[in-house]
Amino acid sequence: MKQKKARGQLIVLSGPSGVGKSTVISELLSERTDIYFSVSFTTRAPRVGEADGVNYYFVSRDDFEGMIARNELLEYAEYVHNYYGTSLRLIQEKLEQGIDVLLDIEVQGAAKVRARCPEAVLIFIVPPSFEELSRRLHGRATDQEEVIQGRLTKAREEYREIPHYDYLVVNDKVSEAAAEITAILMAEDCRTQNRLHLVEGV
């Protein structure tokens, strides 16, 4: 029987486009059903096949700006004239229930989370090599060459933020990358400050 945690762990996963983050997250969530994957809010229109509350919470620009004004967002950013952000209230509720919360966000968002929640665990996912990242992006065959080069330039910028992360996971095989993240979370659970409630009153 797994011990009930006093408080959930906030986990941030970042990594460059093409590293296979979504696949690793799917693998992790299939093994760890006790993790809540945080769904972001966005002002962009749903794409074909996307469902509200599953892929994103789709809201109006006015609603989103109201959330900013009321300080209801853990982090937010604007990309291509659309807002994306994470609800602070939803996450706090889950953490207080002893549930681990997983965020999939880019490096600027991760820095904002670290500033507001210093106890968050930041994990950066990389491919086995930068050449492999280029191969994966080209292998998708969905983007023009200039788009791919733009993604690689952005990846180099993101790599410069790696020293601010707690852990670095290499995604060579998806199952192994997911296993490394599971091991990180187990180690974090075993930290003294996360288990002191088990020995109180002795």
C-alpha atoms as a PDB file:
ATOM      1  CA  MET A   1       0.000   0.000   0.000  1.00  0.00           C
ATOM      2  CA  LYS A   2       1.469   3.307  -1.100  1.00  0.00           C
ATOM      3  CA  GLN A   3       1.667   5.936   1.637  1.00  0.00           C
ATOM      4  CA  LYS A   4      -0.593   8.951   1.175  1.00  0.00           C
ATOM      5  CA  LYS A   5       1.528  12.006   0.554  1.00  0.00           C
ATOM      6  CA  ALA A   6       1.107  15.166   2.615  1.00  0.00           C
ATOM      7  CA  ARG A   7       1.458  17.183  -0.579  1.00  0.00           C
ATOM      8  CA  GLY A   8       1.829  16.384  -4.262  1.00  0.00           C
ATOM      9  CA  GLN A   9       4.942  17.099  -6.277  1.00  0.00           C
ATOM     10  CA  LEU A  10       4.905  19.742  -9.025  1.00  0.00           C
ATOM     11  CA  ILE A  11       6.856  18.412 -12.016  1.00  0.00           C
ATOM     12  CA  VAL A  12       7.848  20.533 -15.015  1.00  0.00           C
ATOM     13  CA  LEU A  13       8.944  18.855 -18.257  1.00  0.00           C
ATOM     14  CA  SER A  14      10.618  20.886 -20.999  1.00  0.00           C
ATOM     15  CA  GLY A  15      12.504  20.001 -24.145  1.00  0.00           C
ATOM     16  CA  PRO A  16      13.052  21.122 -27.728  1.00  0.00           C
ATOM     17  CA  SER A  17      10.556  20.546 -30.515  1.00  0.00           C
ATOM     18  CA  GLY A  18      11.100  17.069 -31.985  1.00  0.00           C
ATOM     19  CA  VAL A  19      12.569  15.487 -28.853  1.00  0.00           C
ATOM     20  CA  GLY A  20       9.502  13.242 -28.387  1.00  0.00           C
ATOM     21  CA  LYS A  21       8.221  14.831 -25.184  1.00  0.00           C
ATOM     22  CA  SER A  22       4.551  13.994 -25.854  1.00  0.00           C
ATOM     23  CA  THR A  23       5.404  10.333 -26.463  1.00  0.00           C
ATOM     24  CA  VAL A  24       7.437  10.134 -23.248  1.00  0.00           C
ATOM     25  CA  ILE A  25       4.600  11.805 -21.299  1.00  0.00           C
ATOM     26  CA  SER A  26       2.067   9.307 -22.737  1.00  0.00           C
ATOM     27  CA  GLU A  27       4.306   6.419 -21.672  1.00  0.00           C
ATOM     28  CA  LEU A  28       4.766   7.914 -18.199  1.00  0.00           C
ATOM     29  CA  LEU A  29       1.026   8.495 -17.700  1.00  0.00           C
ATOM     30  CA  SER A  30       0.220   4.951 -18.850  1.00  0.00           C
ATOM     31  CA  GLU A  31       2.467   3.645 -16.043  1.00  0.00           C
ATOM     32  CA  ARG A  32       1.679   6.246 -13.379  1.00  0.00           C
ATOM     33  CA  THR A  33      -2.098   6.724 -13.234  1.00  0.00           C
ATOM     34  CA  ASP A  34      -1.688   8.772 -10.028  1.00  0.00           C
ATOM     35  CA  ILE A  35      -0.203  11.776 -11.873  1.00  0.00           C
ATOM     36  CA  TYR A  36      -2.448  14.661 -12.947  1.00  0.00           C
ATOM     37  CA  PHE A  37      -1.432  16.080 -16.338  1.00  0.00           C
ATOM     38  CA  SER A  38      -2.178  19.792 -16.280  1.00  0.00           C
ATOM     39  CA  VAL A  39      -4.278  20.997 -19.209  1.00  0.00           C
ATOM     40  CA  SER A  40      -3.415  24.554 -20.271  1.00  0.00           C
ATOM     41  CA  PHE A  41      -5.814  27.389 -21.065  1.00  0.00           C
ATOM     42  CA  THR A  42      -5.558  29.012 -24.494  1.00  0.00           C
ATOM     43  CA  THR A  43      -7.280  31.691 -26.553  1.00  0.00           C
ATOM     44  CA  ARG A  44      -6.583  29.943 -29.857  1.00  0.00           C
ATOM     45  CA  ALA A  45      -9.370  28.122 -31.702  1.00  0.00           C
ATOM     46  CA  PRO A  46      -9.581  24.325 -31.328  1.00  0.00           C
ATOM     47  CA  ARG A  47      -7.964  22.328 -34.126  1.00  0.00           C
ATOM     48  CA  VAL A  48      -9.743  19.396 -35.751  1.00  0.00           C
ATOM     49  CA  GLY A  49      -9.965  16.524 -33.261  1.00  0.00           C
ATOM     50  CA  GLU A  50      -9.162  18.662 -30.200  1.00  0.00           C
ATOM     51  CA  ALA A  51     -11.589  18.607 -27.279  1.00  0.00           C
ATOM     52  CA  ASP A  52     -12.162  21.257 -24.621  1.00  0.00           C
ATOM     53  CA  GLY A  53     -10.740  20.134 -21.278  1.00  0.00           C
ATOM     54  CA  VAL A  54      -8.681  17.370 -22.915  1.00  0.00           C
ATOM     55  CA  ASN A  55      -6.139  19.130 -25.149  1.00  0.00           C
ATOM     56  CA  TYR A  56      -6.734  22.643 -23.799  1.00  0.00           C
ATOM     57  CA  TYR A  57      -9.364  24.692 -22.038  1.00  0.00           C
ATOM     58  CA  PHE A  58     -10.433  27.016 -24.856  1.00  0.00           C
ATOM     59  CA  VAL A  59     -11.403  30.480 -23.572  1.00  0.00           C
ATOM     60  CA  SER A  60     -11.940  33.963 -25.000  1.00  0.00           C
ATOM     61  CA  ARG A  61      -9.220  36.614 -24.921  1.00  0.00           C
ATOM     62  CA  ASP A  62     -11.326  38.664 -22.459  1.00  0.00           C
ATOM     63  CA  ASP A  63     -11.667  35.663 -20.120  1.00  0.00           C
ATOM     64  CA  PHE A  64      -7.927  34.975 -20.288  1.00  0.00           C
ATOM     65  CA  GLU A  65      -6.998  38.600 -19.611  1.00  0.00           C
ATOM     66  CA  GLY A  66      -9.399  38.511 -16.644  1.00  0.00           C
ATOM     67  CA  MET A  67      -7.440  35.507 -15.280  1.00  0.00           C
ATOM     68  CA  ILE A  68      -4.187  37.484 -15.696  1.00  0.00           C
ATOM     69  CA  ALA A  69      -5.681  40.511 -13.906  1.00  0.00           C
ATOM     70  CA  ARG A  70      -6.905  38.335 -10.999  1.00  0.00           C
ATOM     71  CA  ASN A  71      -3.459  36.642 -10.725  1.00  0.00           C
ATOM     72  CA  GLU A  72      -5.052  33.219 -11.323  1.00  0.00           C
ATOM     73  CA  LEU A  73      -2.279  31.877 -13.558  1.00  0.00           C
ATOM     74  CA  LEU A  74       0.874  30.113 -12.424  1.00  0.00           C
ATOM     75  CA  GLU A  75       2.495  31.085 -15.733  1.00  0.00           C
ATOM     76  CA  TYR A  76       1.383  32.330 -19.123  1.00  0.00           C
ATOM     77  CA  ALA A  77       2.860  33.418 -22.427  1.00  0.00           C
ATOM     78  CA  GLU A  78       1.671  34.785 -25.764  1.00  0.00           C
ATOM     79  CA  TYR A  79       2.591  33.011 -29.006  1.00  0.00           C
ATOM     80  CA  VAL A  80       1.435  34.113 -32.447  1.00  0.00           C
ATOM     81  CA  HIS A  81      -1.260  36.421 -30.982  1.00  0.00           C
ATOM     82  CA  ASN A  82      -2.697  33.706 -28.728  1.00  0.00           C
ATOM     83  CA  TYR A  83      -2.340  33.293 -24.975  1.00  0.00           C
ATOM     84  CA  TYR A  84      -1.400  30.003 -23.287  1.00  0.00           C
ATOM     85  CA  GLY A  85      -1.352  29.572 -19.518  1.00  0.00           C
ATOM     86  CA  THR A  86      -1.626  27.303 -16.483  1.00  0.00           C
ATOM     87  CA  SER A  87      -4.316  27.700 -13.815  1.00  0.00           C
ATOM     88  CA  LEU A  88      -2.803  28.197 -10.352  1.00  0.00           C
ATOM     89  CA  ARG A  89      -6.014  27.188  -8.514  1.00  0.00           C
ATOM     90  CA  LEU A  90      -6.397  23.830 -10.304  1.00  0.00           C
ATOM     91  CA  ILE A  91      -2.797  22.901  -9.578  1.00  0.00           C
ATOM     92  CA  GLN A  92      -2.906  23.980  -5.918  1.00  0.00           C
ATOM     93  CA  GLU A  93      -6.054  21.864  -5.386  1.00  0.00           C
ATOM     94  CA  LYS A  94      -4.373  18.735  -6.780  1.00  0.00           C
ATOM     95  CA  LEU A  95      -1.118  19.297  -4.856  1.00  0.00           C
ATOM     96  CA  GLU A  96      -3.030  19.799  -1.591  1.00  0.00           C
ATOM     97  CA  GLN A  97      -4.814  16.474  -2.216  1.00  0.00           C
ATOM     98  CA  GLY A  98      -1.382  14.769  -2.345  1.00  0.00           C
ATOM     99  CA  ILE A  99      -1.543  14.308  -6.130  1.00  0.00           C
ATOM    100  CA  ASP A 100       1.540  14.858  -8.328  1.00  0.00           C
ATOM    101  CA  VAL A 101       0.987  17.408 -11.111  1.00  0.00           C
ATOM    102  CA  LEU A 102       2.856  17.302 -14.432  1.00  0.00           C
ATOM    103  CA  LEU A 103       3.321  20.415 -16.587  1.00  0.00           C
ATOM    104  CA  ASP A 104       4.589  20.316 -20.173  1.00  0.00           C
ATOM    105  CA  ILE A 105       5.892  23.849 -20.756  1.00  0.00           C
ATOM    106  CA  GLU A 106       8.707  25.669 -22.509  1.00  0.00           C
ATOM    107  CA  VAL A 107      11.722  27.237 -20.815  1.00  0.00           C
ATOM    108  CA  GLN A 108      10.262  30.723 -20.150  1.00  0.00           C
ATOM    109  CA  GLY A 109       7.211  29.183 -18.505  1.00  0.00           C
ATOM    110  CA  ALA A 110       9.428  26.848 -16.490  1.00  0.00           C
ATOM    111  CA  ALA A 111      11.430  29.820 -15.169  1.00  0.00           C
ATOM    112  CA  LYS A 112       8.163  31.493 -14.055  1.00  0.00           C
ATOM    113  CA  VAL A 113       7.069  28.291 -12.279  1.00  0.00           C
ATOM    114  CA  ARG A 114      10.436  28.049 -10.494  1.00  0.00           C
ATOM    115  CA  ALA A 115      10.087  31.672  -9.332  1.00  0.00           C
ATOM    116  CA  ARG A 116       6.585  31.080  -7.907  1.00  0.00           C
ATOM    117  CA  CYS A 117       7.064  27.477  -6.754  1.00  0.00           C
ATOM    118  CA  PRO A 118      10.732  26.960  -5.777  1.00  0.00           C
ATOM    119  CA  GLU A 119       9.958  23.377  -4.694  1.00  0.00           C
ATOM    120  CA  ALA A 120       8.950  22.360  -8.259  1.00  0.00           C
ATOM    121  CA  VAL A 121      11.038  19.618  -9.891  1.00  0.00           C
ATOM    122  CA  LEU A 122      12.327  20.756 -13.302  1.00  0.00           C
ATOM    123  CA  ILE A 123      13.252  18.067 -15.851  1.00  0.00           C
ATOM    124  CA  PHE A 124      14.682  18.787 -19.307  1.00  0.00           C
ATOM    125  CA  ILE A 125      14.471  16.129 -22.030  1.00  0.00           C
ATOM    126  CA  VAL A 126      17.132  15.956 -24.752  1.00  0.00           C
ATOM    127  CA  PRO A 127      17.765  13.598 -27.689  1.00  0.00           C
ATOM    128  CA  PRO A 128      20.952  11.473 -27.680  1.00  0.00           C
ATOM    129  CA  SER A 129      22.656  14.160 -29.808  1.00  0.00           C
ATOM    130  CA  PHE A 130      21.841  17.414 -31.574  1.00  0.00           C
ATOM    131  CA  GLU A 131      22.350  15.619 -34.919  1.00  0.00           C
ATOM    132  CA  GLU A 132      19.638  13.155 -33.853  1.00  0.00           C
ATOM    133  CA  LEU A 133      17.283  16.063 -33.124  1.00  0.00           C
ATOM    134  CA  SER A 134      17.873  17.367 -36.657  1.00  0.00           C
ATOM    135  CA  ARG A 135      17.219  13.862 -38.051  1.00  0.00           C
ATOM    136  CA  ARG A 136      13.955  13.571 -36.097  1.00  0.00           C
ATOM    137  CA  LEU A 137      12.715  16.978 -37.268  1.00  0.00           C
ATOM    138  CA  HIS A 138      13.563  16.151 -40.887  1.00  0.00           C
ATOM    139  CA  GLY A 139      12.022  12.686 -40.487  1.00  0.00           C
ATOM    140  CA  ARG A 140       8.611  14.165 -39.700  1.00  0.00           C
ATOM    141  CA  ALA A 141       8.439  15.451 -43.284  1.00  0.00           C
ATOM    142  CA  THR A 142       5.786  17.973 -42.226  1.00  0.00           C
ATOM    143  CA  ASP A 143       7.806  21.215 -42.163  1.00  0.00           C
ATOM    144  CA  GLN A 144       9.681  23.311 -44.722  1.00  0.00           C
ATOM    145  CA  GLU A 145      13.471  23.430 -44.320  1.00  0.00           C
ATOM    146  CA  GLU A 146      13.396  27.038 -43.044  1.00  0.00           C
ATOM    147  CA  VAL A 147      10.889  26.024 -40.327  1.00  0.00           C
ATOM    148  CA  ILE A 148      13.155  23.125 -39.283  1.00  0.00           C
ATOM    149  CA  GLN A 149      16.177  25.450 -39.133  1.00  0.00           C
ATOM    150  CA  GLY A 150      14.119  27.841 -37.003  1.00  0.00           C
ATOM    151  CA  ARG A 151      13.263  24.983 -34.606  1.00  0.00           C
ATOM    152  CA  LEU A 152      16.940  23.988 -34.371  1.00  0.00           C
ATOM    153  CA  THR A 153      17.970  27.592 -33.636  1.00  0.00           C
ATOM    154  CA  LYS A 154      15.294  27.740 -30.919  1.00  0.00           C
ATOM    155  CA  ALA A 155      16.545  24.400 -29.534  1.00  0.00           C
ATOM    156  CA  ARG A 156      20.080  25.824 -29.192  1.00  0.00           C
ATOM    157  CA  GLU A 157      18.641  28.754 -27.208  1.00  0.00           C
ATOM    158  CA  GLU A 158      16.675  26.342 -24.991  1.00  0.00           C
ATOM    159  CA  TYR A 159      19.797  24.235 -24.363  1.00  0.00           C
ATOM    160  CA  ARG A 160      21.389  27.289 -22.732  1.00  0.00           C
ATOM    161  CA  GLU A 161      18.697  27.097 -20.022  1.00  0.00           C
ATOM    162  CA  ILE A 162      19.509  23.477 -19.095  1.00  0.00           C
ATOM    163  CA  PRO A 163      21.725  24.443 -16.087  1.00  0.00           C
ATOM    164  CA  HIS A 164      18.590  25.900 -14.431  1.00  0.00           C
ATOM    165  CA  TYR A 165      16.914  22.463 -14.451  1.00  0.00           C
ATOM    166  CA  ASP A 166      17.248  19.844 -11.714  1.00  0.00           C
ATOM    167  CA  TYR A 167      17.475  16.798 -13.991  1.00  0.00           C
ATOM    168  CA  LEU A 168      18.450  15.986 -17.565  1.00  0.00           C
ATOM    169  CA  VAL A 169      16.767  12.975 -19.208  1.00  0.00           C
ATOM    170  CA  VAL A 170      17.999  11.558 -22.534  1.00  0.00           C
ATOM    171  CA  ASN A 171      15.229  10.292 -24.811  1.00  0.00           C
ATOM    172  CA  ASP A 172      16.970   7.585 -26.807  1.00  0.00           C
ATOM    173  CA  LYS A 173      14.333   4.925 -26.079  1.00  0.00           C
ATOM    174  CA  VAL A 174      10.936   6.182 -24.894  1.00  0.00           C
ATOM    175  CA  SER A 175      10.518   3.431 -22.280  1.00  0.00           C
ATOM    176  CA  GLU A 176      13.929   4.219 -20.763  1.00  0.00           C
ATOM    177  CA  ALA A 177      13.263   7.968 -20.682  1.00  0.00           C
ATOM    178  CA  ALA A 178       9.924   7.347 -18.927  1.00  0.00           C
ATOM    179  CA  ALA A 179      11.683   4.974 -16.481  1.00  0.00           C
ATOM    180  CA  GLU A 180      14.269   7.673 -15.676  1.00  0.00           C
ATOM    181  CA  ILE A 181      11.493  10.182 -14.913  1.00  0.00           C
ATOM    182  CA  THR A 182       9.732   7.597 -12.717  1.00  0.00           C
ATOM    183  CA  ALA A 183      13.012   7.066 -10.811  1.00  0.00           C
ATOM    184  CA  ILE A 184      13.429  10.846 -10.362  1.00  0.00           C
ATOM    185  CA  LEU A 185       9.903  11.133  -8.946  1.00  0.00           C
ATOM    186  CA  MET A 186      10.490   8.220  -6.568  1.00  0.00           C
ATOM    187  CA  ALA A 187      13.703   9.828  -5.288  1.00  0.00           C
ATOM    188  CA  GLU A 188      11.932  13.168  -4.830  1.00  0.00           C
ATOM    189  CA  ASP A 189       9.130  11.429  -2.870  1.00  0.00           C
ATOM    190  CA  CYS A 190      11.769  10.011  -0.523  1.00  0.00           C
ATOM    191  CA  ARG A 191      13.267  13.407   0.338  1.00  0.00           C
ATOM    192  CA  THR A 192      13.208  13.965   4.090  1.00  0.00           C
ATOM    193  CA  GLN A 193      11.032  17.085   3.909  1.00  0.00           C
ATOM    194  CA  ASN A 194       8.447  15.141   1.900  1.00  0.00           C
ATOM    195  CA  ARG A 195       8.236  12.349   4.495  1.00  0.00           C
ATOM    196  CA  LEU A 196       8.576  14.086   7.852  1.00  0.00           C
ATOM    197  CA  HIS A 197       4.810  13.724   8.369  1.00  0.00           C
ATOM    198  CA  LEU A 198       5.330   9.941   8.563  1.00  0.00           C
ATOM    199  CA  VAL A 199       7.442  10.229  11.722  1.00  0.00           C
ATOM    200  CA  GLU A 200       5.745  13.122  13.500  1.00  0.00           C
ATOM    201  CA  GLY A 201       4.713  12.386  17.051  1.00  0.00           C
ATOM    202  CA  VAL A 202       7.231   9.543  17.532  1.00  0.00           C
END
